[in-house]
Amino acid sequence: MVPPFNSEVSSNGQAATAVAEPEQQQPSLETRSVRTQVLEVIDPLQKQLDAKLHELDESLRPRLSKPVQEKPLLAVAVSAGVGVLVGALTVLTVIAGAHARARSTTD
């Protein structure tokens, strides 16, 4: 949240300076301590998650990239097939929705 500012305009009406209200510039001690506590709890969990993601990346990447490197045409064909299937399902959904809307307006 942005703290409210008091604006002061010079006599020529062009130069303006914004001065933040001092009591709202810094969070209260209670808010800071809660924030610090949350960060202390989350930090080890975040480090564990980063380590697991790195471990999974190192173990899965070779197993996923090896078949693609050995049979690149098959990988492209599978990707294209999945794309065509998703596109066809999307078109059918749009057509079914349009048909349902047309039927509901005529009833």
PDB file of N, CA and C in Angstrom:
ATOM      1  N   MET A   1       0.839  -1.171   0.000  1.00  0.00           N
ATOM      2  CA  MET A   1       0.000   0.000   0.000  1.00  0.00           C
ATOM      3  C   MET A   1       0.883   1.232   0.000  1.00  0.00           C
ATOM      4  N   VAL A   2       0.558   2.189  -0.818  1.00  0.00           N
ATOM      5  CA  VAL A   2       1.336   3.415  -0.934  1.00  0.00           C
ATOM      6  C   VAL A   2       0.905   4.380   0.164  1.00  0.00           C
ATOM      7  N   PRO A   3       1.876   4.960   0.885  1.00  0.00           N
ATOM      8  CA  PRO A   3       1.493   5.908   1.941  1.00  0.00           C
ATOM      9  C   PRO A   3       0.941   7.182   1.340  1.00  0.00           C
ATOM     10  N   PRO A   4       0.034   7.843   2.051  1.00  0.00           N
ATOM     11  CA  PRO A   4      -0.518   9.100   1.528  1.00  0.00           C
ATOM     12  C   PRO A   4       0.545  10.186   1.533  1.00  0.00           C
ATOM     13  N   PHE A   5       0.457  11.086   0.575  1.00  0.00           N
ATOM     14  CA  PHE A   5       1.425  12.178   0.448  1.00  0.00           C
ATOM     15  C   PHE A   5       0.717  13.508   0.567  1.00  0.00           C
ATOM     16  N   ASN A   6       1.405  14.460   1.157  1.00  0.00           N
ATOM     17  CA  ASN A   6       0.942  15.843   1.164  1.00  0.00           C
ATOM     18  C   ASN A   6       1.643  16.539   0.010  1.00  0.00           C
ATOM     19  N   SER A   7       0.904  17.225  -0.817  1.00  0.00           N
ATOM     20  CA  SER A   7       1.505  17.884  -1.966  1.00  0.00           C
ATOM     21  C   SER A   7       1.671  19.369  -1.704  1.00  0.00           C
ATOM     22  N   GLU A   8       2.797  19.886  -2.130  1.00  0.00           N
ATOM     23  CA  GLU A   8       3.040  21.318  -2.040  1.00  0.00           C
ATOM     24  C   GLU A   8       3.364  21.828  -3.428  1.00  0.00           C
ATOM     25  N   VAL A   9       2.697  22.896  -3.845  1.00  0.00           N
ATOM     26  CA  VAL A   9       2.900  23.454  -5.173  1.00  0.00           C
ATOM     27  C   VAL A   9       3.548  24.816  -5.011  1.00  0.00           C
ATOM     28  N   SER A  10       4.549  25.097  -5.858  1.00  0.00           N
ATOM     29  CA  SER A  10       5.241  26.385  -5.774  1.00  0.00           C
ATOM     30  C   SER A  10       4.346  27.501  -6.294  1.00  0.00           C
ATOM     31  N   SER A  11       4.826  28.712  -6.165  1.00  0.00           N
ATOM     32  CA  SER A  11       4.021  29.868  -6.555  1.00  0.00           C
ATOM     33  C   SER A  11       3.740  29.910  -8.054  1.00  0.00           C
ATOM     34  N   ASN A  12       4.629  29.297  -8.887  1.00  0.00           N
ATOM     35  CA  ASN A  12       4.374  29.314 -10.328  1.00  0.00           C
ATOM     36  C   ASN A  12       3.417  28.196 -10.745  1.00  0.00           C
ATOM     37  N   GLY A  13       3.073  27.310  -9.826  1.00  0.00           N
ATOM     38  CA  GLY A  13       2.091  26.274 -10.117  1.00  0.00           C
ATOM     39  C   GLY A  13       2.656  25.085 -10.858  1.00  0.00           C
ATOM     40  N   GLN A  14       3.956  25.062 -11.118  1.00  0.00           N
ATOM     41  CA  GLN A  14       4.519  23.969 -11.908  1.00  0.00           C
ATOM     42  C   GLN A  14       5.296  22.965 -11.072  1.00  0.00           C
ATOM     43  N   ALA A  15       6.141  23.417 -10.200  1.00  0.00           N
ATOM     44  CA  ALA A  15       6.986  22.506  -9.432  1.00  0.00           C
ATOM     45  C   ALA A  15       6.218  22.019  -8.219  1.00  0.00           C
ATOM     46  N   ALA A  16       6.134  20.717  -8.059  1.00  0.00           N
ATOM     47  CA  ALA A  16       5.441  20.149  -6.913  1.00  0.00           C
ATOM     48  C   ALA A  16       6.375  19.174  -6.223  1.00  0.00           C
ATOM     49  N   THR A  17       6.329  19.162  -4.907  1.00  0.00           N
ATOM     50  CA  THR A  17       7.114  18.206  -4.145  1.00  0.00           C
ATOM     51  C   THR A  17       6.159  17.414  -3.280  1.00  0.00           C
ATOM     52  N   ALA A  18       6.434  16.141  -3.133  1.00  0.00           N
ATOM     53  CA  ALA A  18       5.592  15.283  -2.307  1.00  0.00           C
ATOM     54  C   ALA A  18       6.359  14.932  -1.048  1.00  0.00           C
ATOM     55  N   VAL A  19       5.695  15.080   0.073  1.00  0.00           N
ATOM     56  CA  VAL A  19       6.298  14.776   1.359  1.00  0.00           C
ATOM     57  C   VAL A  19       5.455  13.710   2.018  1.00  0.00           C
ATOM     58  N   ALA A  20       6.061  12.551   2.309  1.00  0.00           N
ATOM     59  CA  ALA A  20       5.317  11.469   2.946  1.00  0.00           C
ATOM     60  C   ALA A  20       5.103  11.781   4.408  1.00  0.00           C
ATOM     61  N   GLU A  21       3.990  11.320   4.930  1.00  0.00           N
ATOM     62  CA  GLU A  21       3.721  11.526   6.346  1.00  0.00           C
ATOM     63  C   GLU A  21       4.625  10.601   7.147  1.00  0.00           C
ATOM     64  N   PRO A  22       5.397  11.120   8.105  1.00  0.00           N
ATOM     65  CA  PRO A  22       6.413  10.330   8.793  1.00  0.00           C
ATOM     66  C   PRO A  22       5.869   9.150   9.581  1.00  0.00           C
ATOM     67  N   GLU A  23       4.675   9.244  10.173  1.00  0.00           N
ATOM     68  CA  GLU A  23       4.183   8.144  10.977  1.00  0.00           C
ATOM     69  C   GLU A  23       3.763   6.952  10.128  1.00  0.00           C
ATOM     70  N   GLN A  24       3.576   7.119   8.829  1.00  0.00           N
ATOM     71  CA  GLN A  24       3.157   6.014   7.984  1.00  0.00           C
ATOM     72  C   GLN A  24       4.275   5.532   7.067  1.00  0.00           C
ATOM     73  N   GLN A  25       5.466   6.071   7.187  1.00  0.00           N
ATOM     74  CA  GLN A  25       6.560   5.634   6.329  1.00  0.00           C
ATOM     75  C   GLN A  25       7.072   4.265   6.734  1.00  0.00           C
ATOM     76  N   GLN A  26       7.180   3.982   8.006  1.00  0.00           N
ATOM     77  CA  GLN A  26       7.726   2.726   8.469  1.00  0.00           C
ATOM     78  C   GLN A  26       6.631   1.912   9.134  1.00  0.00           C
ATOM     79  N   PRO A  27       6.630   0.582   8.887  1.00  0.00           N
ATOM     80  CA  PRO A  27       5.619  -0.248   9.520  1.00  0.00           C
ATOM     81  C   PRO A  27       5.842  -0.292  11.031  1.00  0.00           C
ATOM     82  N   SER A  28       4.788  -0.566  11.746  1.00  0.00           N
ATOM     83  CA  SER A  28       4.895  -0.612  13.199  1.00  0.00           C
ATOM     84  C   SER A  28       5.790  -1.773  13.622  1.00  0.00           C
ATOM     85  N   LEU A  29       6.261  -1.731  14.859  1.00  0.00           N
ATOM     86  CA  LEU A  29       7.147  -2.766  15.386  1.00  0.00           C
ATOM     87  C   LEU A  29       6.441  -4.104  15.401  1.00  0.00           C
ATOM     88  N   GLU A  30       5.146  -4.114  15.714  1.00  0.00           N
ATOM     89  CA  GLU A  30       4.385  -5.361  15.749  1.00  0.00           C
ATOM     90  C   GLU A  30       4.287  -5.978  14.365  1.00  0.00           C
ATOM     91  N   THR A  31       3.991  -5.157  13.351  1.00  0.00           N
ATOM     92  CA  THR A  31       3.911  -5.645  11.979  1.00  0.00           C
ATOM     93  C   THR A  31       5.262  -6.161  11.521  1.00  0.00           C
ATOM     94  N   ARG A  32       6.314  -5.464  11.854  1.00  0.00           N
ATOM     95  CA  ARG A  32       7.650  -5.888  11.455  1.00  0.00           C
ATOM     96  C   ARG A  32       8.002  -7.218  12.102  1.00  0.00           C
ATOM     97  N   SER A  33       7.640  -7.418  13.353  1.00  0.00           N
ATOM     98  CA  SER A  33       7.986  -8.665  14.021  1.00  0.00           C
ATOM     99  C   SER A  33       7.202  -9.833  13.430  1.00  0.00           C
ATOM    100  N   VAL A  34       5.949  -9.628  13.077  1.00  0.00           N
ATOM    101  CA  VAL A  34       5.158 -10.684  12.439  1.00  0.00           C
ATOM    102  C   VAL A  34       5.753 -11.011  11.082  1.00  0.00           C
ATOM    103  N   ARG A  35       6.115  -9.989  10.323  1.00  0.00           N
ATOM    104  CA  ARG A  35       6.729 -10.196   9.022  1.00  0.00           C
ATOM    105  C   ARG A  35       8.035 -10.973   9.165  1.00  0.00           C
ATOM    106  N   THR A  36       8.833 -10.617  10.156  1.00  0.00           N
ATOM    107  CA  THR A  36      10.103 -11.303  10.391  1.00  0.00           C
ATOM    108  C   THR A  36       9.866 -12.755  10.773  1.00  0.00           C
ATOM    109  N   GLN A  37       8.870 -13.002  11.604  1.00  0.00           N
ATOM    110  CA  GLN A  37       8.564 -14.373  11.998  1.00  0.00           C
ATOM    111  C   GLN A  37       8.127 -15.210  10.802  1.00  0.00           C
ATOM    112  N   VAL A  38       7.298 -14.638   9.958  1.00  0.00           N
ATOM    113  CA  VAL A  38       6.837 -15.361   8.773  1.00  0.00           C
ATOM    114  C   VAL A  38       8.025 -15.676   7.861  1.00  0.00           C
ATOM    115  N   LEU A  39       8.900 -14.707   7.659  1.00  0.00           N
ATOM    116  CA  LEU A  39      10.075 -14.938   6.811  1.00  0.00           C
ATOM    117  C   LEU A  39      10.988 -15.999   7.406  1.00  0.00           C
ATOM    118  N   GLU A  40      11.120 -16.012   8.733  1.00  0.00           N
ATOM    119  CA  GLU A  40      11.958 -17.026   9.370  1.00  0.00           C
ATOM    120  C   GLU A  40      11.385 -18.423   9.190  1.00  0.00           C
ATOM    121  N   VAL A  41      10.066 -18.555   9.152  1.00  0.00           N
ATOM    122  CA  VAL A  41       9.434 -19.853   8.960  1.00  0.00           C
ATOM    123  C   VAL A  41       9.506 -20.264   7.489  1.00  0.00           C
ATOM    124  N   ILE A  42       9.304 -19.325   6.594  1.00  0.00           N
ATOM    125  CA  ILE A  42       9.245 -19.637   5.162  1.00  0.00           C
ATOM    126  C   ILE A  42      10.629 -19.887   4.568  1.00  0.00           C
ATOM    127  N   ASP A  43      11.651 -19.226   5.058  1.00  0.00           N
ATOM    128  CA  ASP A  43      12.986 -19.322   4.463  1.00  0.00           C
ATOM    129  C   ASP A  43      13.509 -20.757   4.391  1.00  0.00           C
ATOM    130  N   PRO A  44      13.476 -21.564   5.461  1.00  0.00           N
ATOM    131  CA  PRO A  44      13.958 -22.943   5.331  1.00  0.00           C
ATOM    132  C   PRO A  44      13.119 -23.774   4.370  1.00  0.00           C
ATOM    133  N   LEU A  45      11.806 -23.530   4.360  1.00  0.00           N
ATOM    134  CA  LEU A  45      10.939 -24.259   3.439  1.00  0.00           C
ATOM    135  C   LEU A  45      11.255 -23.910   1.989  1.00  0.00           C
ATOM    136  N   GLN A  46      11.536 -22.649   1.746  1.00  0.00           N
ATOM    137  CA  GLN A  46      11.887 -22.230   0.394  1.00  0.00           C
ATOM    138  C   GLN A  46      13.206 -22.859  -0.041  1.00  0.00           C
ATOM    139  N   LYS A  47      14.167 -22.931   0.874  1.00  0.00           N
ATOM    140  CA  LYS A  47      15.447 -23.559   0.541  1.00  0.00           C
ATOM    141  C   LYS A  47      15.269 -25.042   0.247  1.00  0.00           C
ATOM    142  N   GLN A  48      14.411 -25.730   1.018  1.00  0.00           N
ATOM    143  CA  GLN A  48      14.142 -27.146   0.758  1.00  0.00           C
ATOM    144  C   GLN A  48      13.477 -27.327  -0.603  1.00  0.00           C
ATOM    145  N   LEU A  49      12.521 -26.468  -0.913  1.00  0.00           N
ATOM    146  CA  LEU A  49      11.832 -26.550  -2.191  1.00  0.00           C
ATOM    147  C   LEU A  49      12.797 -26.319  -3.347  1.00  0.00           C
ATOM    148  N   ASP A  50      13.670 -25.317  -3.222  1.00  0.00           N
ATOM    149  CA  ASP A  50      14.658 -25.058  -4.267  1.00  0.00           C
ATOM    150  C   ASP A  50      15.581 -26.252  -4.463  1.00  0.00           C
ATOM    151  N   ALA A  51      15.997 -26.886  -3.361  1.00  0.00           N
ATOM    152  CA  ALA A  51      16.879 -28.056  -3.459  1.00  0.00           C
ATOM    153  C   ALA A  51      16.167 -29.212  -4.149  1.00  0.00           C
ATOM    154  N   LYS A  52      14.908 -29.458  -3.800  1.00  0.00           N
ATOM    155  CA  LYS A  52      14.140 -30.536  -4.437  1.00  0.00           C
ATOM    156  C   LYS A  52      13.942 -30.260  -5.920  1.00  0.00           C
ATOM    157  N   LEU A  53      13.614 -29.016  -6.267  1.00  0.00           N
ATOM    158  CA  LEU A  53      13.430 -28.681  -7.683  1.00  0.00           C
ATOM    159  C   LEU A  53      14.715 -28.874  -8.467  1.00  0.00           C
ATOM    160  N   HIS A  54      15.838 -28.500  -7.868  1.00  0.00           N
ATOM    161  CA  HIS A  54      17.123 -28.692  -8.529  1.00  0.00           C
ATOM    162  C   HIS A  54      17.417 -30.179  -8.709  1.00  0.00           C
ATOM    163  N   GLU A  55      17.124 -30.972  -7.688  1.00  0.00           N
ATOM    164  CA  GLU A  55      17.340 -32.419  -7.753  1.00  0.00           C
ATOM    165  C   GLU A  55      16.464 -33.053  -8.827  1.00  0.00           C
ATOM    166  N   LEU A  56      15.190 -32.656  -8.886  1.00  0.00           N
ATOM    167  CA  LEU A  56      14.294 -33.182  -9.910  1.00  0.00           C
ATOM    168  C   LEU A  56      14.741 -32.776 -11.306  1.00  0.00           C
ATOM    169  N   ASP A  57      15.195 -31.542 -11.443  1.00  0.00           N
ATOM    170  CA  ASP A  57      15.667 -31.070 -12.742  1.00  0.00           C
ATOM    171  C   ASP A  57      16.859 -31.898 -13.216  1.00  0.00           C
ATOM    172  N   GLU A  58      17.792 -32.172 -12.294  1.00  0.00           N
ATOM    173  CA  GLU A  58      18.976 -32.950 -12.671  1.00  0.00           C
ATOM    174  C   GLU A  58      18.636 -34.404 -12.995  1.00  0.00           C
ATOM    175  N   SER A  59      17.621 -34.965 -12.335  1.00  0.00           N
ATOM    176  CA  SER A  59      17.294 -36.370 -12.579  1.00  0.00           C
ATOM    177  C   SER A  59      16.336 -36.555 -13.757  1.00  0.00           C
ATOM    178  N   LEU A  60      15.405 -35.641 -13.945  1.00  0.00           N
ATOM    179  CA  LEU A  60      14.417 -35.817 -15.004  1.00  0.00           C
ATOM    180  C   LEU A  60      14.858 -35.300 -16.363  1.00  0.00           C
ATOM    181  N   ARG A  61      15.628 -34.235 -16.384  1.00  0.00           N
ATOM    182  CA  ARG A  61      16.013 -33.641 -17.673  1.00  0.00           C
ATOM    183  C   ARG A  61      16.702 -34.646 -18.606  1.00  0.00           C
ATOM    184  N   PRO A  62      17.683 -35.430 -18.134  1.00  0.00           N
ATOM    185  CA  PRO A  62      18.300 -36.396 -19.055  1.00  0.00           C
ATOM    186  C   PRO A  62      17.316 -37.453 -19.539  1.00  0.00           C
ATOM    187  N   ARG A  63      16.415 -37.895 -18.655  1.00  0.00           N
ATOM    188  CA  ARG A  63      15.457 -38.924 -19.071  1.00  0.00           C
ATOM    189  C   ARG A  63      14.433 -38.374 -20.066  1.00  0.00           C
ATOM    190  N   LEU A  64      14.130 -37.092 -19.993  1.00  0.00           N
ATOM    191  CA  LEU A  64      13.184 -36.509 -20.939  1.00  0.00           C
ATOM    192  C   LEU A  64      13.855 -36.088 -22.243  1.00  0.00           C
ATOM    193  N   SER A  65      15.074 -35.622 -22.177  1.00  0.00           N
ATOM    194  CA  SER A  65      15.728 -35.127 -23.389  1.00  0.00           C
ATOM    195  C   SER A  65      16.338 -36.250 -24.224  1.00  0.00           C
ATOM    196  N   LYS A  66      16.680 -37.379 -23.622  1.00  0.00           N
ATOM    197  CA  LYS A  66      17.299 -38.474 -24.386  1.00  0.00           C
ATOM    198  C   LYS A  66      16.389 -38.993 -25.499  1.00  0.00           C
ATOM    199  N   PRO A  67      15.120 -39.315 -25.230  1.00  0.00           N
ATOM    200  CA  PRO A  67      14.259 -39.775 -26.331  1.00  0.00           C
ATOM    201  C   PRO A  67      14.065 -38.718 -27.414  1.00  0.00           C
ATOM    202  N   VAL A  68      14.031 -37.457 -27.028  1.00  0.00           N
ATOM    203  CA  VAL A  68      13.861 -36.388 -28.011  1.00  0.00           C
ATOM    204  C   VAL A  68      15.093 -36.286 -28.889  1.00  0.00           C
ATOM    205  N   GLN A  69      16.275 -36.444 -28.299  1.00  0.00           N
ATOM    206  CA  GLN A  69      17.502 -36.386 -29.088  1.00  0.00           C
ATOM    207  C   GLN A  69      17.645 -37.593 -29.995  1.00  0.00           C
ATOM    208  N   GLU A  70      17.169 -38.764 -29.539  1.00  0.00           N
ATOM    209  CA  GLU A  70      17.290 -39.971 -30.357  1.00  0.00           C
ATOM    210  C   GLU A  70      16.279 -39.993 -31.497  1.00  0.00           C
ATOM    211  N   LYS A  71      15.078 -39.503 -31.261  1.00  0.00           N
ATOM    212  CA  LYS A  71      14.012 -39.533 -32.271  1.00  0.00           C
ATOM    213  C   LYS A  71      13.327 -38.167 -32.358  1.00  0.00           C
ATOM    214  N   PRO A  72      14.000 -37.199 -32.960  1.00  0.00           N
ATOM    215  CA  PRO A  72      13.416 -35.852 -32.996  1.00  0.00           C
ATOM    216  C   PRO A  72      12.137 -35.761 -33.824  1.00  0.00           C
ATOM    217  N   LEU A  73      12.044 -36.523 -34.908  1.00  0.00           N
ATOM    218  CA  LEU A  73      10.834 -36.464 -35.734  1.00  0.00           C
ATOM    219  C   LEU A  73       9.625 -37.001 -34.977  1.00  0.00           C
ATOM    220  N   LEU A  74       9.831 -38.054 -34.205  1.00  0.00           N
ATOM    221  CA  LEU A  74       8.738 -38.586 -33.406  1.00  0.00           C
ATOM    222  C   LEU A  74       8.290 -37.573 -32.364  1.00  0.00           C
ATOM    223  N   ALA A  75       9.236 -36.873 -31.764  1.00  0.00           N
ATOM    224  CA  ALA A  75       8.897 -35.854 -30.766  1.00  0.00           C
ATOM    225  C   ALA A  75       8.083 -34.722 -31.391  1.00  0.00           C
ATOM    226  N   VAL A  76       8.483 -34.310 -32.586  1.00  0.00           N
ATOM    227  CA  VAL A  76       7.733 -33.254 -33.281  1.00  0.00           C
ATOM    228  C   VAL A  76       6.353 -33.761 -33.665  1.00  0.00           C
ATOM    229  N   ALA A  77       6.255 -34.995 -34.121  1.00  0.00           N
ATOM    230  CA  ALA A  77       4.961 -35.558 -34.512  1.00  0.00           C
ATOM    231  C   ALA A  77       4.020 -35.657 -33.308  1.00  0.00           C
ATOM    232  N   VAL A  78       4.547 -36.101 -32.171  1.00  0.00           N
ATOM    233  CA  VAL A  78       3.715 -36.204 -30.971  1.00  0.00           C
ATOM    234  C   VAL A  78       3.246 -34.811 -30.542  1.00  0.00           C
ATOM    235  N   SER A  79       4.139 -33.838 -30.573  1.00  0.00           N
ATOM    236  CA  SER A  79       3.760 -32.466 -30.204  1.00  0.00           C
ATOM    237  C   SER A  79       2.695 -31.916 -31.145  1.00  0.00           C
ATOM    238  N   ALA A  80       2.864 -32.151 -32.432  1.00  0.00           N
ATOM    239  CA  ALA A  80       1.880 -31.672 -33.404  1.00  0.00           C
ATOM    240  C   ALA A  80       0.545 -32.368 -33.192  1.00  0.00           C
ATOM    241  N   GLY A  81       0.574 -33.663 -32.911  1.00  0.00           N
ATOM    242  CA  GLY A  81      -0.662 -34.408 -32.663  1.00  0.00           C
ATOM    243  C   GLY A  81      -1.407 -33.885 -31.449  1.00  0.00           C
ATOM    244  N   VAL A  82      -0.680 -33.609 -30.392  1.00  0.00           N
ATOM    245  CA  VAL A  82      -1.307 -33.058 -29.191  1.00  0.00           C
ATOM    246  C   VAL A  82      -1.889 -31.683 -29.492  1.00  0.00           C
ATOM    247  N   GLY A  83      -1.179 -30.878 -30.264  1.00  0.00           N
ATOM    248  CA  GLY A  83      -1.686 -29.555 -30.632  1.00  0.00           C
ATOM    249  C   GLY A  83      -2.956 -29.636 -31.460  1.00  0.00           C
ATOM    250  N   VAL A  84      -2.994 -30.558 -32.410  1.00  0.00           N
ATOM    251  CA  VAL A  84      -4.195 -30.732 -33.239  1.00  0.00           C
ATOM    252  C   VAL A  84      -5.360 -31.208 -32.382  1.00  0.00           C
ATOM    253  N   LEU A  85      -5.093 -32.138 -31.456  1.00  0.00           N
ATOM    254  CA  LEU A  85      -6.150 -32.645 -30.581  1.00  0.00           C
ATOM    255  C   LEU A  85      -6.719 -31.534 -29.698  1.00  0.00           C
ATOM    256  N   VAL A  86      -5.862 -30.720 -29.095  1.00  0.00           N
ATOM    257  CA  VAL A  86      -6.322 -29.619 -28.256  1.00  0.00           C
ATOM    258  C   VAL A  86      -7.081 -28.595 -29.096  1.00  0.00           C
ATOM    259  N   GLY A  87      -6.599 -28.305 -30.288  1.00  0.00           N
ATOM    260  CA  GLY A  87      -7.288 -27.370 -31.170  1.00  0.00           C
ATOM    261  C   GLY A  87      -8.662 -27.881 -31.573  1.00  0.00           C
ATOM    262  N   ALA A  88      -8.753 -29.180 -31.896  1.00  0.00           N
ATOM    263  CA  ALA A  88     -10.046 -29.753 -32.281  1.00  0.00           C
ATOM    264  C   ALA A  88     -11.031 -29.708 -31.122  1.00  0.00           C
ATOM    265  N   LEU A  89     -10.555 -30.029 -29.919  1.00  0.00           N
ATOM    266  CA  LEU A  89     -11.437 -29.961 -28.757  1.00  0.00           C
ATOM    267  C   LEU A  89     -11.916 -28.535 -28.507  1.00  0.00           C
ATOM    268  N   THR A  90     -11.032 -27.567 -28.719  1.00  0.00           N
ATOM    269  CA  THR A  90     -11.403 -26.166 -28.538  1.00  0.00           C
ATOM    270  C   THR A  90     -12.472 -25.754 -29.539  1.00  0.00           C
ATOM    271  N   VAL A  91     -12.299 -26.138 -30.796  1.00  0.00           N
ATOM    272  CA  VAL A  91     -13.269 -25.798 -31.837  1.00  0.00           C
ATOM    273  C   VAL A  91     -14.610 -26.452 -31.539  1.00  0.00           C
ATOM    274  N   LEU A  92     -14.580 -27.723 -31.126  1.00  0.00           N
ATOM    275  CA  LEU A  92     -15.840 -28.403 -30.807  1.00  0.00           C
ATOM    276  C   LEU A  92     -16.544 -27.746 -29.621  1.00  0.00           C
ATOM    277  N   THR A  93     -15.783 -27.309 -28.649  1.00  0.00           N
ATOM    278  CA  THR A  93     -16.371 -26.634 -27.490  1.00  0.00           C
ATOM    279  C   THR A  93     -17.017 -25.319 -27.896  1.00  0.00           C
ATOM    280  N   VAL A  94     -16.340 -24.567 -28.741  1.00  0.00           N
ATOM    281  CA  VAL A  94     -16.895 -23.289 -29.205  1.00  0.00           C
ATOM    282  C   VAL A  94     -18.161 -23.525 -30.019  1.00  0.00           C
ATOM    283  N   ILE A  95     -18.133 -24.518 -30.890  1.00  0.00           N
ATOM    284  CA  ILE A  95     -19.311 -24.812 -31.708  1.00  0.00           C
ATOM    285  C   ILE A  95     -20.472 -25.268 -30.829  1.00  0.00           C
ATOM    286  N   ALA A  96     -20.198 -26.130 -29.844  1.00  0.00           N
ATOM    287  CA  ALA A  96     -21.255 -26.604 -28.950  1.00  0.00           C
ATOM    288  C   ALA A  96     -21.830 -25.449 -28.140  1.00  0.00           C
ATOM    289  N   GLY A  97     -20.969 -24.530 -27.685  1.00  0.00           N
ATOM    290  CA  GLY A  97     -21.460 -23.376 -26.942  1.00  0.00           C
ATOM    291  C   GLY A  97     -22.318 -22.472 -27.797  1.00  0.00           C
ATOM    292  N   ALA A  98     -21.907 -22.243 -29.037  1.00  0.00           N
ATOM    293  CA  ALA A  98     -22.688 -21.405 -29.941  1.00  0.00           C
ATOM    294  C   ALA A  98     -24.022 -22.060 -30.260  1.00  0.00           C
ATOM    295  N   HIS A  99     -24.010 -23.381 -30.443  1.00  0.00           N
ATOM    296  CA  HIS A  99     -25.243 -24.105 -30.740  1.00  0.00           C
ATOM    297  C   HIS A  99     -26.204 -24.038 -29.547  1.00  0.00           C
ATOM    298  N   ALA A 100     -25.662 -24.181 -28.335  1.00  0.00           N
ATOM    299  CA  ALA A 100     -26.498 -24.123 -27.134  1.00  0.00           C
ATOM    300  C   ALA A 100     -27.078 -22.719 -26.955  1.00  0.00           C
ATOM    301  N   ARG A 101     -26.285 -21.683 -27.230  1.00  0.00           N
ATOM    302  CA  ARG A 101     -26.789 -20.306 -27.119  1.00  0.00           C
ATOM    303  C   ARG A 101     -27.870 -20.037 -28.154  1.00  0.00           C
ATOM    304  N   ALA A 102     -27.667 -20.551 -29.372  1.00  0.00           N
ATOM    305  CA  ALA A 102     -28.671 -20.322 -30.418  1.00  0.00           C
ATOM    306  C   ALA A 102     -29.970 -21.024 -30.067  1.00  0.00           C
ATOM    307  N   ARG A 103     -29.874 -22.217 -29.493  1.00  0.00           N
ATOM    308  CA  ARG A 103     -31.066 -22.961 -29.135  1.00  0.00           C
ATOM    309  C   ARG A 103     -31.815 -22.289 -27.983  1.00  0.00           C
ATOM    310  N   SER A 104     -31.055 -21.713 -27.022  1.00  0.00           N
ATOM    311  CA  SER A 104     -31.720 -21.086 -25.873  1.00  0.00           C
ATOM    312  C   SER A 104     -32.391 -19.766 -26.248  1.00  0.00           C
ATOM    313  N   THR A 105     -31.901 -19.072 -27.252  1.00  0.00           N
ATOM    314  CA  THR A 105     -32.530 -17.810 -27.669  1.00  0.00           C
ATOM    315  C   THR A 105     -33.776 -18.061 -28.507  1.00  0.00           C
ATOM    316  N   THR A 106     -33.874 -19.187 -29.181  1.00  0.00           N
ATOM    317  CA  THR A 106     -35.052 -19.464 -30.001  1.00  0.00           C
ATOM    318  C   THR A 106     -36.188 -20.069 -29.181  1.00  0.00           C
ATOM    319  N   ASP A 107     -35.878 -20.600 -28.014  1.00  0.00           N
ATOM    320  CA  ASP A 107     -36.926 -21.227 -27.175  1.00  0.00           C
ATOM    321  C   ASP A 107     -37.714 -20.239 -26.424  1.00  0.00           C
TER     322      ASP A 107
END
